């Protein structure tokens, strides 16, 4: 299914990733630095950000020899589980649906599964903002504590922060505008919370948010 998704991204929607080969090389170099679990935390502006981030991280040929580099994802259940064909695509696309703002016990079950996957060397992608940003810019104070809790709980976990933005993207949309180029930036960080429990989760989540804000500022500084 992934090559078909890439055909849709490139030739139907007309998307491109700036300096794609260099971006992928940097992503693989950062992933090779870590011998343990890696949690991928991108910013969130559209419904297909996870596809775009995956496109930036690995080529189809690389996935043939290392399928762990195709990250598990957590789509919003209300958006992506409304039809049988969407459920099927999510199933083969390594997705665990979550209902944001739903029952806490159900959310904890999904987060526990993600932690289990991380402990076994799988890549897991979570949008730390919880949903698409309202303002079009990253808010370091809006990060989900659940993301920080996973990072703190899984031993040796490191966090790959990813900032991705299309040149025509101003605010949140369902799909990015056609025929645009995306820029991608990475930063690999280690959870260093001084507290435990909820306070520690909040501290780590805020660290993720601050890193994404820094990457965003660098992006706009370069554009200027």
C-alpha atoms as a PDB file:
ATOM      1  CA  UNK A   1       0.000   0.000   0.000  1.00  0.00           C
ATOM      2  CA  UNK A   2       2.846   2.424   0.746  1.00  0.00           C
ATOM      3  CA  UNK A   3       4.104   2.767  -2.877  1.00  0.00           C
ATOM      4  CA  UNK A   4       0.506   3.550  -3.883  1.00  0.00           C
ATOM      5  CA  UNK A   5       0.339   6.195  -1.169  1.00  0.00           C
ATOM      6  CA  UNK A   6       3.553   7.748  -2.496  1.00  0.00           C
ATOM      7  CA  UNK A   7       2.156   7.795  -6.029  1.00  0.00           C
ATOM      8  CA  UNK A   8      -0.886   9.642  -4.711  1.00  0.00           C
ATOM      9  CA  UNK A   9       1.246  12.139  -2.768  1.00  0.00           C
ATOM     10  CA  UNK A  10       3.638  12.847  -5.634  1.00  0.00           C
ATOM     11  CA  UNK A  11       1.605  12.525  -8.816  1.00  0.00           C
ATOM     12  CA  UNK A  12      -2.011  13.150  -7.795  1.00  0.00           C
ATOM     13  CA  UNK A  13      -1.449  15.845  -5.177  1.00  0.00           C
ATOM     14  CA  UNK A  14       1.833  17.083  -6.656  1.00  0.00           C
ATOM     15  CA  UNK A  15       3.717  17.284  -3.352  1.00  0.00           C
ATOM     16  CA  UNK A  16       7.506  17.438  -3.030  1.00  0.00           C
ATOM     17  CA  UNK A  17       9.892  17.391  -0.071  1.00  0.00           C
ATOM     18  CA  UNK A  18      12.774  19.824  -0.357  1.00  0.00           C
ATOM     19  CA  UNK A  19      16.193  18.078  -0.439  1.00  0.00           C
ATOM     20  CA  UNK A  20      14.516  14.702   0.120  1.00  0.00           C
ATOM     21  CA  UNK A  21      17.690  12.582  -0.175  1.00  0.00           C
ATOM     22  CA  UNK A  22      19.536  14.758   2.369  1.00  0.00           C
ATOM     23  CA  UNK A  23      16.518  14.764   4.702  1.00  0.00           C
ATOM     24  CA  UNK A  24      16.314  10.961   4.635  1.00  0.00           C
ATOM     25  CA  UNK A  25      20.044  10.633   5.205  1.00  0.00           C
ATOM     26  CA  UNK A  26      19.814  12.882   8.260  1.00  0.00           C
ATOM     27  CA  UNK A  27      16.835  10.947   9.628  1.00  0.00           C
ATOM     28  CA  UNK A  28      18.590   7.611   9.257  1.00  0.00           C
ATOM     29  CA  UNK A  29      21.773   9.003  10.836  1.00  0.00           C
ATOM     30  CA  UNK A  30      19.789  10.206  13.855  1.00  0.00           C
ATOM     31  CA  UNK A  31      17.956   6.882  14.158  1.00  0.00           C
ATOM     32  CA  UNK A  32      21.263   4.993  13.993  1.00  0.00           C
ATOM     33  CA  UNK A  33      22.520   7.041  16.955  1.00  0.00           C
ATOM     34  CA  UNK A  34      19.964   5.371  19.190  1.00  0.00           C
ATOM     35  CA  UNK A  35      20.264   1.778  20.320  1.00  0.00           C
ATOM     36  CA  UNK A  36      16.921   1.903  22.118  1.00  0.00           C
ATOM     37  CA  UNK A  37      13.322   3.002  21.564  1.00  0.00           C
ATOM     38  CA  UNK A  38      12.534   6.096  19.477  1.00  0.00           C
ATOM     39  CA  UNK A  39       9.328   8.116  19.768  1.00  0.00           C
ATOM     40  CA  UNK A  40       8.647  10.382  16.761  1.00  0.00           C
ATOM     41  CA  UNK A  41       6.881  13.647  17.658  1.00  0.00           C
ATOM     42  CA  UNK A  42       5.917  15.902  14.710  1.00  0.00           C
ATOM     43  CA  UNK A  43       3.963  19.146  14.613  1.00  0.00           C
ATOM     44  CA  UNK A  44       0.423  18.796  13.279  1.00  0.00           C
ATOM     45  CA  UNK A  45      -1.320  20.872  10.585  1.00  0.00           C
ATOM     46  CA  UNK A  46      -3.170  18.431   8.257  1.00  0.00           C
ATOM     47  CA  UNK A  47      -4.798  15.011   8.245  1.00  0.00           C
ATOM     48  CA  UNK A  48      -1.926  13.452   6.262  1.00  0.00           C
ATOM     49  CA  UNK A  49       1.050  14.729   8.268  1.00  0.00           C
ATOM     50  CA  UNK A  50       1.947  11.186   9.304  1.00  0.00           C
ATOM     51  CA  UNK A  51       2.217  10.137   5.628  1.00  0.00           C
ATOM     52  CA  UNK A  52       4.425  13.128   4.853  1.00  0.00           C
ATOM     53  CA  UNK A  53       6.699  12.482   7.839  1.00  0.00           C
ATOM     54  CA  UNK A  54       7.015   8.805   6.906  1.00  0.00           C
ATOM     55  CA  UNK A  55       7.854   9.833   3.325  1.00  0.00           C
ATOM     56  CA  UNK A  56      10.621  12.064   4.691  1.00  0.00           C
ATOM     57  CA  UNK A  57      12.111   9.360   6.930  1.00  0.00           C
ATOM     58  CA  UNK A  58      12.391   6.293   4.682  1.00  0.00           C
ATOM     59  CA  UNK A  59      12.246   5.293   1.034  1.00  0.00           C
ATOM     60  CA  UNK A  60      10.175   2.252  -0.054  1.00  0.00           C
ATOM     61  CA  UNK A  61      13.408   0.351  -0.735  1.00  0.00           C
ATOM     62  CA  UNK A  62      14.672   0.988   2.801  1.00  0.00           C
ATOM     63  CA  UNK A  63      11.409  -0.320   4.220  1.00  0.00           C
ATOM     64  CA  UNK A  64      11.811  -3.587   2.313  1.00  0.00           C
ATOM     65  CA  UNK A  65      14.884  -4.374   4.413  1.00  0.00           C
ATOM     66  CA  UNK A  66      13.761  -2.735   7.648  1.00  0.00           C
ATOM     67  CA  UNK A  67       9.993  -2.575   8.095  1.00  0.00           C
ATOM     68  CA  UNK A  68      10.443  -1.283  11.657  1.00  0.00           C
ATOM     69  CA  UNK A  69      11.234   2.081  10.041  1.00  0.00           C
ATOM     70  CA  UNK A  70       7.583   2.303   9.007  1.00  0.00           C
ATOM     71  CA  UNK A  71       6.282   3.929  12.176  1.00  0.00           C
ATOM     72  CA  UNK A  72       3.175   3.007  14.118  1.00  0.00           C
ATOM     73  CA  UNK A  73       0.688   5.870  14.179  1.00  0.00           C
ATOM     74  CA  UNK A  74      -2.288   6.996  16.299  1.00  0.00           C
ATOM     75  CA  UNK A  75      -5.003   8.476  14.048  1.00  0.00           C
ATOM     76  CA  UNK A  76      -8.049  10.162  15.539  1.00  0.00           C
ATOM     77  CA  UNK A  77     -10.725   7.474  15.675  1.00  0.00           C
ATOM     78  CA  UNK A  78     -13.539   9.925  14.876  1.00  0.00           C
ATOM     79  CA  UNK A  79     -11.832  10.968  11.618  1.00  0.00           C
ATOM     80  CA  UNK A  80     -10.373   7.745  10.266  1.00  0.00           C
ATOM     81  CA  UNK A  81     -12.704   4.979  11.493  1.00  0.00           C
ATOM     82  CA  UNK A  82     -15.875   6.165   9.799  1.00  0.00           C
ATOM     83  CA  UNK A  83     -15.860   3.640   6.932  1.00  0.00           C
ATOM     84  CA  UNK A  84     -14.740   0.085   6.251  1.00  0.00           C
ATOM     85  CA  UNK A  85     -12.131   1.055   3.646  1.00  0.00           C
ATOM     86  CA  UNK A  86     -10.551   3.667   5.932  1.00  0.00           C
ATOM     87  CA  UNK A  87     -10.412   1.095   8.745  1.00  0.00           C
ATOM     88  CA  UNK A  88      -8.708  -1.334   6.359  1.00  0.00           C
ATOM     89  CA  UNK A  89      -6.122   1.238   5.300  1.00  0.00           C
ATOM     90  CA  UNK A  90      -5.383   2.087   8.919  1.00  0.00           C
ATOM     91  CA  UNK A  91      -5.027  -1.589   9.790  1.00  0.00           C
ATOM     92  CA  UNK A  92      -2.434  -2.322   7.105  1.00  0.00           C
ATOM     93  CA  UNK A  93      -0.768   1.040   7.815  1.00  0.00           C
ATOM     94  CA  UNK A  94       0.245   0.079  11.385  1.00  0.00           C
ATOM     95  CA  UNK A  95      -2.282   2.316  13.139  1.00  0.00           C
ATOM     96  CA  UNK A  96      -3.732   2.226  16.642  1.00  0.00           C
ATOM     97  CA  UNK A  97      -6.778   4.531  16.713  1.00  0.00           C
ATOM     98  CA  UNK A  98      -7.308   6.806  19.686  1.00  0.00           C
ATOM     99  CA  UNK A  99     -10.243   9.046  20.571  1.00  0.00           C
ATOM    100  CA  UNK A 100      -8.838  12.298  21.867  1.00  0.00           C
ATOM    101  CA  UNK A 101     -10.979  13.681  24.633  1.00  0.00           C
ATOM    102  CA  UNK A 102     -12.647  10.280  25.007  1.00  0.00           C
ATOM    103  CA  UNK A 103     -12.717   7.826  27.891  1.00  0.00           C
ATOM    104  CA  UNK A 104      -9.477   7.961  29.867  1.00  0.00           C
ATOM    105  CA  UNK A 105      -9.312   4.190  30.367  1.00  0.00           C
ATOM    106  CA  UNK A 106      -9.489   3.558  26.594  1.00  0.00           C
ATOM    107  CA  UNK A 107      -6.755   6.140  26.016  1.00  0.00           C
ATOM    108  CA  UNK A 108      -4.527   4.490  28.645  1.00  0.00           C
ATOM    109  CA  UNK A 109      -4.947   1.124  26.899  1.00  0.00           C
ATOM    110  CA  UNK A 110      -3.722   2.605  23.591  1.00  0.00           C
ATOM    111  CA  UNK A 111      -0.792   4.377  25.292  1.00  0.00           C
ATOM    112  CA  UNK A 112       0.178   1.120  27.009  1.00  0.00           C
ATOM    113  CA  UNK A 113       0.216  -0.669  23.640  1.00  0.00           C
ATOM    114  CA  UNK A 114       2.430   2.065  22.201  1.00  0.00           C
ATOM    115  CA  UNK A 115       4.828   1.694  25.120  1.00  0.00           C
ATOM    116  CA  UNK A 116       4.911  -2.077  24.538  1.00  0.00           C
ATOM    117  CA  UNK A 117       5.779  -1.512  20.865  1.00  0.00           C
ATOM    118  CA  UNK A 118       8.533   0.964  21.746  1.00  0.00           C
ATOM    119  CA  UNK A 119      10.105  -1.508  24.150  1.00  0.00           C
ATOM    120  CA  UNK A 120      10.368  -4.000  21.276  1.00  0.00           C
ATOM    121  CA  UNK A 121      12.227  -1.637  18.972  1.00  0.00           C
ATOM    122  CA  UNK A 122       9.314  -0.369  16.893  1.00  0.00           C
ATOM    123  CA  UNK A 123       9.127   3.264  15.803  1.00  0.00           C
ATOM    124  CA  UNK A 124       6.052   5.017  17.171  1.00  0.00           C
ATOM    125  CA  UNK A 125       4.739   8.354  15.893  1.00  0.00           C
ATOM    126  CA  UNK A 126       2.551  10.540  18.104  1.00  0.00           C
ATOM    127  CA  UNK A 127       1.462  14.119  17.524  1.00  0.00           C
ATOM    128  CA  UNK A 128       2.230  15.741  20.887  1.00  0.00           C
ATOM    129  CA  UNK A 129      -0.216  18.607  20.276  1.00  0.00           C
ATOM    130  CA  UNK A 130      -3.028  16.050  20.389  1.00  0.00           C
ATOM    131  CA  UNK A 131      -4.721  17.546  17.330  1.00  0.00           C
ATOM    132  CA  UNK A 132      -4.119  19.987  14.505  1.00  0.00           C
ATOM    133  CA  UNK A 133      -2.913  23.334  15.768  1.00  0.00           C
ATOM    134  CA  UNK A 134      -5.592  26.046  15.851  1.00  0.00           C
ATOM    135  CA  UNK A 135      -3.268  29.000  15.229  1.00  0.00           C
ATOM    136  CA  UNK A 136      -1.037  27.386  12.608  1.00  0.00           C
ATOM    137  CA  UNK A 137       1.960  27.687  14.946  1.00  0.00           C
ATOM    138  CA  UNK A 138       3.326  25.319  17.598  1.00  0.00           C
ATOM    139  CA  UNK A 139       2.261  26.078  21.171  1.00  0.00           C
ATOM    140  CA  UNK A 140       4.733  24.588  23.665  1.00  0.00           C
ATOM    141  CA  UNK A 141       2.119  24.733  26.434  1.00  0.00           C
ATOM    142  CA  UNK A 142      -0.443  22.650  24.531  1.00  0.00           C
ATOM    143  CA  UNK A 143       1.500  19.372  24.476  1.00  0.00           C
ATOM    144  CA  UNK A 144      -0.267  16.190  25.628  1.00  0.00           C
ATOM    145  CA  UNK A 145       0.993  14.851  28.948  1.00  0.00           C
ATOM    146  CA  UNK A 146       0.427  11.312  27.652  1.00  0.00           C
ATOM    147  CA  UNK A 147       3.333  11.702  25.236  1.00  0.00           C
ATOM    148  CA  UNK A 148       5.626  12.753  28.060  1.00  0.00           C
ATOM    149  CA  UNK A 149       4.402   9.842  30.154  1.00  0.00           C
ATOM    150  CA  UNK A 150       5.287   7.289  27.465  1.00  0.00           C
ATOM    151  CA  UNK A 151       8.735   8.807  26.927  1.00  0.00           C
ATOM    152  CA  UNK A 152       9.456   8.778  30.670  1.00  0.00           C
ATOM    153  CA  UNK A 153       8.130   5.264  31.253  1.00  0.00           C
ATOM    154  CA  UNK A 154       9.910   3.394  28.446  1.00  0.00           C
ATOM    155  CA  UNK A 155      13.500   2.821  29.490  1.00  0.00           C
ATOM    156  CA  UNK A 156      16.103   4.397  27.204  1.00  0.00           C
ATOM    157  CA  UNK A 157      13.492   6.127  25.062  1.00  0.00           C
ATOM    158  CA  UNK A 158      14.642   9.042  22.906  1.00  0.00           C
ATOM    159  CA  UNK A 159      12.446  11.508  21.051  1.00  0.00           C
ATOM    160  CA  UNK A 160      12.827  12.480  17.400  1.00  0.00           C
ATOM    161  CA  UNK A 161      11.095  15.863  17.054  1.00  0.00           C
ATOM    162  CA  UNK A 162      10.047  16.580  13.461  1.00  0.00           C
ATOM    163  CA  UNK A 163       8.947  19.941  12.096  1.00  0.00           C
ATOM    164  CA  UNK A 164       7.251  19.721   8.698  1.00  0.00           C
ATOM    165  CA  UNK A 165       5.545  22.566   6.855  1.00  0.00           C
ATOM    166  CA  UNK A 166       4.398  23.225   3.301  1.00  0.00           C
ATOM    167  CA  UNK A 167       5.391  26.509   1.698  1.00  0.00           C
ATOM    168  CA  UNK A 168       1.710  27.463   1.224  1.00  0.00           C
ATOM    169  CA  UNK A 169       0.495  26.265   4.636  1.00  0.00           C
ATOM    170  CA  UNK A 170      -0.864  29.094   6.807  1.00  0.00           C
ATOM    171  CA  UNK A 171      -3.261  27.343   9.193  1.00  0.00           C
ATOM    172  CA  UNK A 172      -4.683  23.877   9.772  1.00  0.00           C
ATOM    173  CA  UNK A 173      -6.389  22.162   6.819  1.00  0.00           C
ATOM    174  CA  UNK A 174      -7.691  18.681   5.999  1.00  0.00           C
ATOM    175  CA  UNK A 175      -5.224  18.312   3.094  1.00  0.00           C
ATOM    176  CA  UNK A 176      -2.304  20.532   2.160  1.00  0.00           C
ATOM    177  CA  UNK A 177      -2.829  22.663  -0.950  1.00  0.00           C
ATOM    178  CA  UNK A 178      -1.822  20.866  -4.153  1.00  0.00           C
ATOM    179  CA  UNK A 179       1.567  21.287  -5.812  1.00  0.00           C
ATOM    180  CA  UNK A 180       3.609  22.545  -2.918  1.00  0.00           C
ATOM    181  CA  UNK A 181       7.017  21.833  -1.448  1.00  0.00           C
ATOM    182  CA  UNK A 182       7.532  20.780   2.174  1.00  0.00           C
ATOM    183  CA  UNK A 183      10.489  21.597   4.388  1.00  0.00           C
ATOM    184  CA  UNK A 184      11.510  19.156   7.138  1.00  0.00           C
ATOM    185  CA  UNK A 185      13.695  19.634  10.219  1.00  0.00           C
ATOM    186  CA  UNK A 186      14.746  17.145  12.907  1.00  0.00           C
ATOM    187  CA  UNK A 187      16.014  17.276  16.470  1.00  0.00           C
ATOM    188  CA  UNK A 188      16.810  14.211  18.593  1.00  0.00           C
ATOM    189  CA  UNK A 189      16.330  14.776  22.339  1.00  0.00           C
ATOM    190  CA  UNK A 190      16.447  12.702  25.514  1.00  0.00           C
ATOM    191  CA  UNK A 191      13.782  12.993  28.236  1.00  0.00           C
ATOM    192  CA  UNK A 192      15.422  14.641  31.246  1.00  0.00           C
ATOM    193  CA  UNK A 193      12.518  15.277  33.599  1.00  0.00           C
ATOM    194  CA  UNK A 194      13.525  15.983  37.194  1.00  0.00           C
ATOM    195  CA  UNK A 195      10.108  14.957  38.499  1.00  0.00           C
ATOM    196  CA  UNK A 196       8.189  11.689  38.316  1.00  0.00           C
ATOM    197  CA  UNK A 197       4.563  10.890  37.599  1.00  0.00           C
ATOM    198  CA  UNK A 198       2.323  13.593  36.152  1.00  0.00           C
ATOM    199  CA  UNK A 199       4.802  16.403  36.836  1.00  0.00           C
ATOM    200  CA  UNK A 200       7.539  14.523  35.027  1.00  0.00           C
ATOM    201  CA  UNK A 201       5.218  13.806  32.089  1.00  0.00           C
ATOM    202  CA  UNK A 202       4.318  17.501  31.926  1.00  0.00           C
ATOM    203  CA  UNK A 203       8.000  18.487  32.011  1.00  0.00           C
ATOM    204  CA  UNK A 204       8.948  16.118  29.183  1.00  0.00           C
ATOM    205  CA  UNK A 205       5.943  17.156  27.096  1.00  0.00           C
ATOM    206  CA  UNK A 206       6.901  20.807  27.476  1.00  0.00           C
ATOM    207  CA  UNK A 207      10.477  19.974  26.426  1.00  0.00           C
ATOM    208  CA  UNK A 208       9.098  18.407  23.237  1.00  0.00           C
ATOM    209  CA  UNK A 209       7.006  21.507  22.629  1.00  0.00           C
ATOM    210  CA  UNK A 210       9.942  23.857  23.150  1.00  0.00           C
ATOM    211  CA  UNK A 211      12.043  21.830  20.706  1.00  0.00           C
ATOM    212  CA  UNK A 212       9.310  22.022  18.055  1.00  0.00           C
ATOM    213  CA  UNK A 213       9.001  25.775  18.631  1.00  0.00           C
ATOM    214  CA  UNK A 214      12.763  26.145  18.110  1.00  0.00           C
ATOM    215  CA  UNK A 215      12.595  24.149  14.863  1.00  0.00           C
ATOM    216  CA  UNK A 216       9.659  26.280  13.728  1.00  0.00           C
ATOM    217  CA  UNK A 217      11.511  29.507  14.471  1.00  0.00           C
ATOM    218  CA  UNK A 218      14.503  28.233  12.508  1.00  0.00           C
ATOM    219  CA  UNK A 219      12.193  27.387   9.592  1.00  0.00           C
ATOM    220  CA  UNK A 220      10.701  30.881   9.389  1.00  0.00           C
ATOM    221  CA  UNK A 221      14.079  32.550   9.950  1.00  0.00           C
ATOM    222  CA  UNK A 222      15.461  30.677   6.927  1.00  0.00           C
ATOM    223  CA  UNK A 223      12.454  31.653   4.804  1.00  0.00           C
ATOM    224  CA  UNK A 224      13.051  35.308   5.610  1.00  0.00           C
END
